[in-house]
């Protein structure tokens, strides 16, 4: 039987923050067509209205600087983040020197299958402020990359350091087979020290 309408009612859609996309295909006695382009992701809110992600893709959550380590005259910075609510293709991380426009913006694309969700960026200058940005990436059926709004953090190695006075490390000694030592220092008034 030939179908003349191009609408369908879909029932029992969950409203618990699940994301949905749809595709359609024509089916006849002789076979079927390829699927259409996938719709933009959407989900239903409590007011029964769709929330379309036409403007942005869900951004990564809890983007932070996990650690940094000195390596001779450079510094290695480790960033970490959590997946957004909606499944994505991957991530794009970029970093740039904040006060030096002559330096290029560096960018790297990362698969969503990376585990754990962290990246170490080596060989950064100790005397430069950096801005790190992360975006979620989606590649729909039309193969045009879509990105979330960026989430950014700033890092300046010199701001991460603070001074102490009267640092003291005693001569190591053994207690019950474990090596011990006494460490003490004086706290300097600094808003960064809690």
N, C-alpha and C. Protein backbone atom coordinates (compact mmCIF):
# COMPACT_ATOMS: atom_id res chain seq x y z
N UNK A 1 0.84 -1.18 0.00
CA UNK A 1 0.00 0.00 0.00
C UNK A 1 0.88 1.24 0.00
N UNK A 2 0.56 2.17 -0.83
CA UNK A 2 1.35 3.39 -0.94
C UNK A 2 1.01 4.35 0.20
N UNK A 3 2.04 4.94 0.79
CA UNK A 3 1.86 5.90 1.88
C UNK A 3 1.98 7.30 1.30
N UNK A 4 1.00 8.12 1.59
CA UNK A 4 1.02 9.46 1.01
C UNK A 4 1.38 10.54 2.03
N UNK A 5 1.48 10.19 3.31
CA UNK A 5 1.82 11.22 4.30
C UNK A 5 3.26 11.02 4.77
N UNK A 6 3.82 12.09 5.29
CA UNK A 6 5.23 12.05 5.71
C UNK A 6 5.39 12.42 7.18
N UNK A 7 4.38 12.08 7.99
CA UNK A 7 4.46 12.35 9.42
C UNK A 7 4.22 11.05 10.17
N UNK A 8 4.77 10.98 11.38
CA UNK A 8 4.55 9.81 12.23
C UNK A 8 4.47 10.27 13.67
N UNK A 9 3.71 9.54 14.46
CA UNK A 9 3.62 9.82 15.90
C UNK A 9 4.42 8.76 16.63
N UNK A 10 5.31 9.19 17.47
CA UNK A 10 6.14 8.27 18.24
C UNK A 10 5.70 8.37 19.69
N UNK A 11 5.34 7.24 20.27
CA UNK A 11 4.81 7.24 21.63
C UNK A 11 5.84 6.71 22.62
N UNK A 12 5.58 6.97 23.88
CA UNK A 12 6.39 6.44 25.00
C UNK A 12 7.84 6.92 24.98
N UNK A 13 8.06 8.15 24.60
CA UNK A 13 9.41 8.71 24.67
C UNK A 13 9.70 9.07 26.12
N UNK A 14 10.84 8.66 26.61
CA UNK A 14 11.23 8.91 28.00
C UNK A 14 11.64 10.37 28.18
N UNK A 15 11.38 10.91 29.37
CA UNK A 15 11.74 12.30 29.65
C UNK A 15 12.83 12.38 30.71
N UNK A 16 13.64 11.37 30.83
CA UNK A 16 14.67 11.35 31.89
C UNK A 16 16.03 11.76 31.34
N UNK A 17 16.04 12.87 30.61
CA UNK A 17 17.28 13.43 30.06
C UNK A 17 17.94 12.56 29.01
N UNK A 18 17.20 11.66 28.40
CA UNK A 18 17.75 10.90 27.28
C UNK A 18 17.74 11.77 26.03
N UNK A 19 18.77 11.60 25.23
CA UNK A 19 18.85 12.34 23.97
C UNK A 19 18.35 11.44 22.84
N UNK A 20 17.67 12.05 21.84
CA UNK A 20 17.12 11.30 20.71
C UNK A 20 17.56 11.91 19.39
N UNK A 21 17.77 11.04 18.41
CA UNK A 21 17.91 11.44 17.02
C UNK A 21 17.06 10.48 16.20
N UNK A 22 16.64 10.90 15.02
CA UNK A 22 15.81 10.06 14.17
C UNK A 22 16.34 10.04 12.75
N UNK A 23 16.10 8.88 12.08
CA UNK A 23 16.35 8.73 10.65
C UNK A 23 15.17 7.98 10.05
N UNK A 24 14.91 8.20 8.79
CA UNK A 24 13.83 7.47 8.12
C UNK A 24 14.36 6.83 6.84
N UNK A 25 13.67 5.77 6.44
CA UNK A 25 14.00 5.10 5.18
C UNK A 25 12.69 4.67 4.53
N UNK A 26 12.67 4.67 3.21
CA UNK A 26 11.50 4.20 2.48
C UNK A 26 11.59 2.69 2.31
N UNK A 27 10.47 2.00 2.56
CA UNK A 27 10.44 0.53 2.46
C UNK A 27 9.31 0.14 1.52
N UNK A 28 9.62 -0.73 0.55
CA UNK A 28 8.61 -1.27 -0.37
C UNK A 28 8.77 -2.77 -0.45
N UNK A 29 7.88 -3.42 -1.27
CA UNK A 29 8.01 -4.86 -1.49
C UNK A 29 9.33 -5.20 -2.16
N UNK A 30 9.88 -4.25 -2.88
CA UNK A 30 11.08 -4.51 -3.66
C UNK A 30 12.37 -4.22 -2.90
N UNK A 31 12.26 -3.64 -1.71
CA UNK A 31 13.47 -3.31 -0.95
C UNK A 31 13.28 -2.02 -0.18
N UNK A 32 14.38 -1.40 0.15
CA UNK A 32 14.30 -0.17 0.94
C UNK A 32 15.41 0.78 0.51
N UNK A 33 15.17 2.04 0.81
CA UNK A 33 16.16 3.07 0.47
C UNK A 33 17.17 3.20 1.59
N UNK A 34 18.20 3.98 1.35
CA UNK A 34 19.15 4.27 2.43
C UNK A 34 18.48 5.23 3.41
N UNK A 35 19.02 5.30 4.61
CA UNK A 35 18.45 6.17 5.63
C UNK A 35 18.68 7.64 5.29
N UNK A 36 17.79 8.45 5.79
CA UNK A 36 17.92 9.90 5.62
C UNK A 36 19.03 10.42 6.53
N UNK A 37 19.31 11.70 6.40
CA UNK A 37 20.24 12.37 7.31
C UNK A 37 19.67 12.34 8.72
N UNK A 38 20.51 12.13 9.70
CA UNK A 38 20.07 12.09 11.09
C UNK A 38 19.63 13.48 11.55
N UNK A 39 18.54 13.52 12.30
CA UNK A 39 18.08 14.80 12.84
C UNK A 39 19.07 15.30 13.88
N UNK A 40 18.93 16.57 14.22
CA UNK A 40 19.75 17.11 15.30
C UNK A 40 19.29 16.49 16.62
N UNK A 41 20.22 16.28 17.56
CA UNK A 41 19.84 15.68 18.84
C UNK A 41 18.85 16.57 19.60
N UNK A 42 17.92 15.93 20.30
CA UNK A 42 17.01 16.67 21.16
C UNK A 42 16.61 15.79 22.33
N UNK A 43 16.09 16.42 23.37
CA UNK A 43 15.52 15.69 24.49
C UNK A 43 14.30 16.45 25.00
N UNK A 44 13.46 15.77 25.76
CA UNK A 44 12.25 16.39 26.28
C UNK A 44 12.49 16.86 27.70
N UNK A 45 11.98 18.05 27.99
CA UNK A 45 12.08 18.53 29.37
C UNK A 45 10.76 18.25 30.09
N UNK A 46 10.66 18.68 31.32
CA UNK A 46 9.48 18.37 32.12
C UNK A 46 8.22 19.07 31.62
N UNK A 47 8.36 20.13 30.84
CA UNK A 47 7.19 20.82 30.30
C UNK A 47 6.75 20.24 28.96
N UNK A 48 7.32 19.09 28.58
CA UNK A 48 6.91 18.43 27.34
C UNK A 48 7.37 19.16 26.09
N UNK A 49 8.39 20.00 26.21
CA UNK A 49 8.89 20.74 25.06
C UNK A 49 10.26 20.21 24.70
N UNK A 50 10.53 20.13 23.42
CA UNK A 50 11.84 19.62 23.02
C UNK A 50 12.91 20.68 23.21
N UNK A 51 14.08 20.21 23.64
CA UNK A 51 15.24 21.09 23.77
C UNK A 51 16.20 20.73 22.66
N UNK A 52 16.26 21.52 21.65
CA UNK A 52 17.11 21.20 20.52
C UNK A 52 18.51 21.71 20.74
N UNK A 53 19.46 20.96 20.24
CA UNK A 53 20.85 21.38 20.37
C UNK A 53 21.34 21.98 19.07
N UNK A 54 20.46 22.75 18.40
CA UNK A 54 20.85 23.30 17.11
C UNK A 54 21.96 24.32 17.25
N UNK A 55 22.01 25.01 18.40
CA UNK A 55 23.04 26.03 18.54
C UNK A 55 24.35 25.45 19.06
N UNK A 56 24.27 24.49 19.98
CA UNK A 56 25.49 23.93 20.55
C UNK A 56 25.34 22.45 20.82
N UNK A 57 26.45 21.78 20.86
CA UNK A 57 26.55 20.40 21.31
C UNK A 57 26.90 20.46 22.79
N UNK A 58 26.53 19.45 23.54
CA UNK A 58 26.83 19.44 24.98
C UNK A 58 28.34 19.52 25.20
N UNK A 59 28.76 20.42 26.07
CA UNK A 59 30.19 20.62 26.34
C UNK A 59 30.68 19.64 27.39
N UNK A 60 31.99 19.35 27.41
CA UNK A 60 32.55 18.50 28.46
C UNK A 60 32.34 19.15 29.83
N UNK A 61 32.34 18.31 30.87
CA UNK A 61 32.11 18.80 32.23
C UNK A 61 33.39 18.70 33.06
N UNK A 62 33.46 19.53 34.08
CA UNK A 62 34.55 19.49 35.08
C UNK A 62 35.95 19.52 34.46
N UNK A 63 36.16 20.43 33.53
CA UNK A 63 37.47 20.61 32.90
C UNK A 63 38.39 21.27 33.90
N UNK A 64 39.52 20.64 34.20
CA UNK A 64 40.42 21.19 35.21
C UNK A 64 41.86 20.80 34.95
N UNK A 65 42.74 21.52 35.60
CA UNK A 65 44.16 21.22 35.55
C UNK A 65 44.43 20.21 36.66
N UNK A 66 44.73 18.97 36.27
CA UNK A 66 44.89 17.90 37.24
C UNK A 66 46.25 17.94 37.92
N UNK A 67 47.30 18.26 37.14
CA UNK A 67 48.65 18.20 37.69
C UNK A 67 49.59 18.97 36.78
N UNK A 68 50.74 19.35 37.31
CA UNK A 68 51.82 19.88 36.48
C UNK A 68 53.14 19.43 37.07
N UNK A 69 54.13 19.22 36.18
CA UNK A 69 55.44 18.74 36.61
C UNK A 69 56.52 19.51 35.87
N UNK A 70 57.58 19.84 36.61
CA UNK A 70 58.73 20.51 36.01
C UNK A 70 59.58 19.50 35.27
N UNK A 71 60.12 19.93 34.13
CA UNK A 71 61.02 19.09 33.34
C UNK A 71 62.12 20.01 32.82
N UNK A 72 63.23 20.09 33.52
CA UNK A 72 64.33 21.04 33.29
C UNK A 72 63.76 22.46 33.23
N UNK A 73 63.78 23.11 32.07
CA UNK A 73 63.29 24.50 31.98
C UNK A 73 61.88 24.61 31.43
N UNK A 74 61.18 23.50 31.32
CA UNK A 74 59.81 23.53 30.81
C UNK A 74 58.88 22.88 31.84
N UNK A 75 57.60 22.91 31.52
CA UNK A 75 56.61 22.34 32.42
C UNK A 75 55.64 21.48 31.62
N UNK A 76 55.22 20.37 32.19
CA UNK A 76 54.23 19.48 31.59
C UNK A 76 52.93 19.62 32.37
N UNK A 77 51.85 19.92 31.68
CA UNK A 77 50.55 20.15 32.31
C UNK A 77 49.60 19.02 31.94
N UNK A 78 48.93 18.45 32.94
CA UNK A 78 47.94 17.40 32.70
C UNK A 78 46.54 17.96 32.94
N UNK A 79 45.69 17.86 31.92
CA UNK A 79 44.31 18.31 31.99
C UNK A 79 43.39 17.11 32.11
N UNK A 80 42.26 17.27 32.78
CA UNK A 80 41.28 16.19 32.86
C UNK A 80 39.88 16.78 32.73
N UNK A 81 38.90 15.93 32.37
CA UNK A 81 37.53 16.37 32.17
C UNK A 81 36.62 15.16 32.25
N UNK A 82 35.31 15.41 32.20
CA UNK A 82 34.31 14.35 32.19
C UNK A 82 33.45 14.47 30.95
N UNK A 83 32.87 13.34 30.54
CA UNK A 83 32.04 13.32 29.34
C UNK A 83 30.79 14.16 29.54
N UNK A 84 30.30 14.77 28.46
CA UNK A 84 29.00 15.45 28.55
C UNK A 84 27.87 14.42 28.62
N UNK A 85 26.64 14.89 28.80
CA UNK A 85 25.50 13.98 28.93
C UNK A 85 25.20 13.25 27.63
N UNK A 86 25.45 13.89 26.51
CA UNK A 86 25.10 13.31 25.21
C UNK A 86 26.32 12.63 24.58
N UNK A 87 26.14 11.46 23.96
CA UNK A 87 27.29 10.80 23.30
C UNK A 87 27.88 11.70 22.21
N UNK A 88 29.19 11.72 22.13
CA UNK A 88 29.87 12.58 21.17
C UNK A 88 30.92 11.78 20.40
N UNK A 89 31.46 12.40 19.36
CA UNK A 89 32.49 11.77 18.54
C UNK A 89 33.87 11.90 19.17
N UNK A 90 34.13 13.04 19.77
CA UNK A 90 35.46 13.26 20.35
C UNK A 90 35.56 14.63 20.98
N UNK A 91 36.81 15.04 21.22
CA UNK A 91 37.08 16.32 21.87
C UNK A 91 38.15 17.07 21.08
N UNK A 92 38.12 18.39 21.18
CA UNK A 92 39.19 19.21 20.64
C UNK A 92 39.74 20.07 21.78
N UNK A 93 41.04 19.94 22.01
CA UNK A 93 41.70 20.73 23.04
C UNK A 93 42.66 21.69 22.36
N UNK A 94 42.62 22.95 22.77
CA UNK A 94 43.54 23.95 22.24
C UNK A 94 44.17 24.70 23.40
N UNK A 95 45.36 25.23 23.15
CA UNK A 95 46.03 26.04 24.16
C UNK A 95 46.84 27.12 23.47
N UNK A 96 46.94 28.25 24.14
CA UNK A 96 47.68 29.38 23.59
C UNK A 96 48.26 30.21 24.72
N UNK A 97 49.35 30.89 24.39
CA UNK A 97 49.96 31.80 25.35
C UNK A 97 49.07 33.03 25.47
N UNK A 98 48.77 33.43 26.67
CA UNK A 98 47.80 34.50 26.87
C UNK A 98 48.33 35.86 26.46
N UNK A 99 49.58 36.15 26.72
CA UNK A 99 50.10 37.50 26.49
C UNK A 99 51.11 37.60 25.35
N UNK A 100 51.17 36.59 24.51
CA UNK A 100 52.14 36.61 23.41
C UNK A 100 51.46 36.22 22.11
N UNK A 101 50.93 37.20 21.35
CA UNK A 101 50.21 36.89 20.12
C UNK A 101 51.10 36.30 19.03
N UNK A 102 52.42 36.37 19.20
CA UNK A 102 53.30 35.81 18.18
C UNK A 102 53.32 34.28 18.23
N UNK A 103 52.91 33.69 19.36
CA UNK A 103 52.88 32.24 19.48
C UNK A 103 51.59 31.70 18.89
N UNK A 104 51.67 30.54 18.24
CA UNK A 104 50.52 29.95 17.58
C UNK A 104 49.58 29.29 18.58
N UNK A 105 48.32 29.15 18.17
CA UNK A 105 47.36 28.36 18.94
C UNK A 105 47.57 26.90 18.55
N UNK A 106 47.78 26.05 19.54
CA UNK A 106 47.97 24.62 19.29
C UNK A 106 46.65 23.91 19.50
N UNK A 107 46.35 22.95 18.63
CA UNK A 107 45.08 22.22 18.71
C UNK A 107 45.33 20.74 18.50
N UNK A 108 44.60 19.92 19.27
CA UNK A 108 44.67 18.47 19.11
C UNK A 108 43.26 17.90 19.22
N UNK A 109 42.92 16.95 18.34
CA UNK A 109 41.64 16.25 18.41
C UNK A 109 41.84 14.92 19.10
N UNK A 110 40.89 14.55 19.95
CA UNK A 110 41.00 13.35 20.78
C UNK A 110 39.74 12.52 20.63
N UNK A 111 39.89 11.20 20.53
CA UNK A 111 38.75 10.30 20.43
C UNK A 111 37.98 10.25 21.74
N UNK A 112 36.66 10.04 21.64
CA UNK A 112 35.84 9.93 22.85
C UNK A 112 36.12 8.63 23.59
N UNK A 113 36.84 7.69 22.96
CA UNK A 113 37.14 6.41 23.63
C UNK A 113 38.36 6.51 24.54
N UNK A 114 39.02 7.67 24.58
CA UNK A 114 40.18 7.85 25.46
C UNK A 114 39.78 7.57 26.91
N UNK A 115 40.62 6.79 27.60
CA UNK A 115 40.38 6.54 29.03
C UNK A 115 41.71 6.41 29.74
N UNK A 116 41.91 7.08 30.86
CA UNK A 116 41.00 8.07 31.44
C UNK A 116 40.98 9.34 30.60
N UNK A 117 39.98 10.16 30.85
CA UNK A 117 39.82 11.40 30.08
C UNK A 117 40.79 12.45 30.60
N UNK A 118 42.03 12.34 30.14
CA UNK A 118 43.05 13.32 30.51
C UNK A 118 44.11 13.39 29.42
N UNK A 119 44.79 14.52 29.38
CA UNK A 119 45.82 14.75 28.37
C UNK A 119 46.95 15.53 29.01
N UNK A 120 48.20 15.08 28.77
CA UNK A 120 49.37 15.81 29.25
C UNK A 120 49.97 16.59 28.09
N UNK A 121 50.14 17.87 28.29
CA UNK A 121 50.73 18.75 27.28
C UNK A 121 52.14 19.10 27.75
N UNK A 122 53.16 18.64 27.00
CA UNK A 122 54.54 18.83 27.46
C UNK A 122 55.17 20.12 26.93
N UNK A 123 56.32 20.42 27.49
CA UNK A 123 57.23 21.46 26.99
C UNK A 123 56.63 22.86 26.94
N UNK A 124 55.84 23.21 27.93
CA UNK A 124 55.32 24.57 28.02
C UNK A 124 56.33 25.45 28.74
N UNK A 125 56.32 26.73 28.43
CA UNK A 125 57.23 27.67 29.07
C UNK A 125 56.78 27.96 30.50
N UNK A 126 57.75 28.03 31.41
CA UNK A 126 57.44 28.30 32.81
C UNK A 126 57.06 29.76 33.04
N UNK A 127 57.39 30.63 32.12
CA UNK A 127 57.19 32.07 32.33
C UNK A 127 56.06 32.63 31.47
N UNK A 128 55.14 31.77 31.08
CA UNK A 128 54.05 32.19 30.20
C UNK A 128 52.72 31.76 30.80
N UNK A 129 51.71 32.62 30.70
CA UNK A 129 50.34 32.25 31.08
C UNK A 129 49.68 31.57 29.89
N UNK A 130 48.96 30.50 30.15
CA UNK A 130 48.29 29.76 29.08
C UNK A 130 46.79 29.71 29.32
N UNK A 131 46.06 29.68 28.22
CA UNK A 131 44.62 29.43 28.28
C UNK A 131 44.38 28.12 27.55
N UNK A 132 43.75 27.17 28.24
CA UNK A 132 43.40 25.87 27.67
C UNK A 132 41.89 25.84 27.44
N UNK A 133 41.49 25.32 26.27
CA UNK A 133 40.07 25.23 25.94
C UNK A 133 39.75 23.81 25.48
N UNK A 134 38.54 23.35 25.81
CA UNK A 134 38.09 22.05 25.34
C UNK A 134 36.70 22.20 24.74
N UNK A 135 36.44 21.45 23.67
CA UNK A 135 35.13 21.42 23.02
C UNK A 135 34.76 19.97 22.75
N UNK A 136 33.47 19.69 22.75
CA UNK A 136 32.97 18.40 22.28
C UNK A 136 32.82 18.47 20.77
N UNK A 137 33.06 17.34 20.10
CA UNK A 137 32.93 17.27 18.64
C UNK A 137 31.83 16.28 18.26
N UNK A 138 31.02 16.65 17.29
CA UNK A 138 30.03 15.75 16.70
C UNK A 138 30.24 15.76 15.19
N UNK A 139 30.09 14.59 14.58
CA UNK A 139 30.15 14.50 13.11
C UNK A 139 28.87 13.80 12.66
N UNK A 140 27.84 14.57 12.31
CA UNK A 140 26.60 13.95 11.84
C UNK A 140 26.78 13.32 10.47
N UNK A 141 25.69 12.79 9.94
CA UNK A 141 25.76 12.08 8.66
C UNK A 141 26.23 12.94 7.51
N UNK A 142 26.06 14.27 7.60
CA UNK A 142 26.51 15.12 6.50
C UNK A 142 28.00 15.43 6.58
N UNK A 143 28.71 14.82 7.55
CA UNK A 143 30.17 14.92 7.69
C UNK A 143 30.68 16.33 7.95
N UNK A 144 29.83 17.22 8.38
CA UNK A 144 30.29 18.55 8.77
C UNK A 144 30.45 18.58 10.28
N UNK A 145 31.67 18.84 10.73
CA UNK A 145 31.96 18.80 12.16
C UNK A 145 31.20 19.91 12.89
N UNK A 146 30.56 19.54 13.98
CA UNK A 146 29.89 20.51 14.85
C UNK A 146 30.60 20.48 16.19
N UNK A 147 30.74 21.65 16.83
CA UNK A 147 31.45 21.75 18.10
C UNK A 147 30.61 22.43 19.16
N UNK A 148 30.86 22.05 20.40
CA UNK A 148 30.22 22.72 21.53
C UNK A 148 30.89 24.07 21.77
N UNK A 149 30.28 24.87 22.60
CA UNK A 149 30.96 26.09 23.04
C UNK A 149 32.17 25.66 23.86
N UNK A 150 33.26 26.43 23.84
CA UNK A 150 34.45 26.00 24.58
C UNK A 150 34.31 26.20 26.08
N UNK A 151 34.97 25.32 26.82
CA UNK A 151 35.14 25.48 28.26
C UNK A 151 36.62 25.79 28.45
N UNK A 152 36.96 26.81 29.21
CA UNK A 152 38.36 27.22 29.29
C UNK A 152 38.84 27.35 30.73
N UNK A 153 40.15 27.16 30.90
CA UNK A 153 40.82 27.40 32.17
C UNK A 153 42.14 28.11 31.88
N UNK A 154 42.61 28.86 32.87
CA UNK A 154 43.86 29.60 32.74
C UNK A 154 44.90 28.97 33.65
N UNK A 155 46.16 28.96 33.20
CA UNK A 155 47.24 28.43 34.02
C UNK A 155 48.46 29.32 33.90
N UNK A 156 49.02 29.68 35.05
CA UNK A 156 50.28 30.42 35.10
C UNK A 156 51.13 29.78 36.18
N UNK A 157 52.23 29.17 35.77
CA UNK A 157 53.08 28.43 36.70
C UNK A 157 53.53 29.29 37.86
N UNK A 158 53.90 30.53 37.59
CA UNK A 158 54.41 31.40 38.65
C UNK A 158 53.34 31.71 39.69
N UNK A 159 52.07 31.71 39.30
CA UNK A 159 50.99 31.93 40.26
C UNK A 159 50.72 30.68 41.10
N UNK A 160 51.17 29.52 40.61
CA UNK A 160 50.95 28.28 41.36
C UNK A 160 51.97 28.10 42.47
N UNK A 161 53.05 28.86 42.43
CA UNK A 161 54.11 28.71 43.43
C UNK A 161 53.91 29.70 44.57
N UNK A 162 54.41 29.35 45.72
CA UNK A 162 54.42 30.27 46.84
C UNK A 162 55.66 30.00 47.68
N UNK A 163 56.02 30.95 48.49
CA UNK A 163 57.25 30.85 49.28
C UNK A 163 56.94 30.43 50.71
N UNK A 164 57.88 29.69 51.29
CA UNK A 164 57.81 29.34 52.70
C UNK A 164 59.13 29.73 53.35
N UNK A 165 59.11 29.83 54.68
CA UNK A 165 60.32 30.18 55.42
C UNK A 165 60.67 29.07 56.38
N UNK A 166 61.96 29.02 56.73
CA UNK A 166 62.44 28.12 57.77
C UNK A 166 62.06 26.66 57.52
N UNK A 167 62.24 26.22 56.28
CA UNK A 167 61.97 24.81 55.97
C UNK A 167 63.00 23.94 56.69
N UNK A 168 62.52 22.88 57.36
CA UNK A 168 63.42 22.01 58.11
C UNK A 168 63.06 20.56 57.83
N UNK A 169 64.06 19.76 57.49
CA UNK A 169 63.91 18.33 57.26
C UNK A 169 64.91 17.63 58.16
N UNK A 170 64.42 16.83 59.10
CA UNK A 170 65.32 16.18 60.06
C UNK A 170 66.04 15.01 59.40
N UNK A 171 67.03 14.51 60.07
CA UNK A 171 67.75 13.33 59.59
C UNK A 171 66.79 12.14 59.64
N UNK A 172 66.70 11.37 58.56
CA UNK A 172 65.78 10.22 58.54
C UNK A 172 66.14 9.19 59.61
N UNK A 173 65.10 8.50 60.10
CA UNK A 173 65.29 7.45 61.10
C UNK A 173 64.26 6.35 60.83
N UNK A 174 64.48 5.18 61.42
CA UNK A 174 63.62 4.02 61.21
C UNK A 174 62.75 3.78 62.44
N UNK A 175 61.47 3.45 62.20
CA UNK A 175 60.56 2.98 63.24
C UNK A 175 59.79 1.81 62.66
N UNK A 176 59.89 0.66 63.31
CA UNK A 176 59.18 -0.55 62.87
C UNK A 176 59.43 -0.86 61.39
N UNK A 177 60.65 -0.70 60.94
CA UNK A 177 61.02 -1.04 59.57
C UNK A 177 60.65 0.00 58.53
N UNK A 178 60.07 1.13 58.93
CA UNK A 178 59.71 2.19 57.98
C UNK A 178 60.59 3.40 58.22
N UNK A 179 60.98 4.05 57.14
CA UNK A 179 61.81 5.25 57.27
C UNK A 179 60.91 6.45 57.57
N UNK A 180 61.32 7.27 58.52
CA UNK A 180 60.55 8.44 58.94
C UNK A 180 61.46 9.66 58.95
N UNK A 181 60.84 10.84 58.90
CA UNK A 181 61.56 12.09 59.05
C UNK A 181 60.60 13.15 59.55
N UNK A 182 61.09 14.19 60.15
CA UNK A 182 60.27 15.31 60.59
C UNK A 182 60.46 16.47 59.62
N UNK A 183 59.33 17.08 59.22
CA UNK A 183 59.37 18.22 58.31
C UNK A 183 58.60 19.36 58.96
N UNK A 184 59.16 20.56 58.87
CA UNK A 184 58.44 21.73 59.39
C UNK A 184 58.80 22.95 58.55
N UNK A 185 57.90 23.96 58.56
CA UNK A 185 58.14 25.21 57.87
C UNK A 185 57.22 26.27 58.46
N UNK A 186 57.50 27.51 58.14
CA UNK A 186 56.65 28.63 58.57
C UNK A 186 55.81 29.09 57.39
N UNK A 187 54.54 29.30 57.65
CA UNK A 187 53.62 29.76 56.62
C UNK A 187 53.77 31.27 56.42
N UNK A 188 53.85 31.67 55.15
CA UNK A 188 53.90 33.09 54.81
C UNK A 188 52.50 33.54 54.43
N UNK A 189 52.12 34.73 54.85
CA UNK A 189 50.78 35.23 54.51
C UNK A 189 50.66 35.39 53.01
N UNK A 190 49.80 34.57 52.43
CA UNK A 190 49.60 34.57 50.98
C UNK A 190 48.17 34.09 50.74
N UNK A 191 47.41 34.82 49.95
CA UNK A 191 46.02 34.47 49.72
C UNK A 191 45.86 33.10 49.05
N UNK A 192 46.94 32.59 48.41
CA UNK A 192 46.83 31.30 47.73
C UNK A 192 47.03 30.14 48.68
N UNK A 193 47.52 30.39 49.89
CA UNK A 193 47.80 29.31 50.83
C UNK A 193 46.62 29.18 51.78
N UNK A 194 46.03 28.02 51.82
CA UNK A 194 44.88 27.76 52.70
C UNK A 194 45.34 27.08 53.97
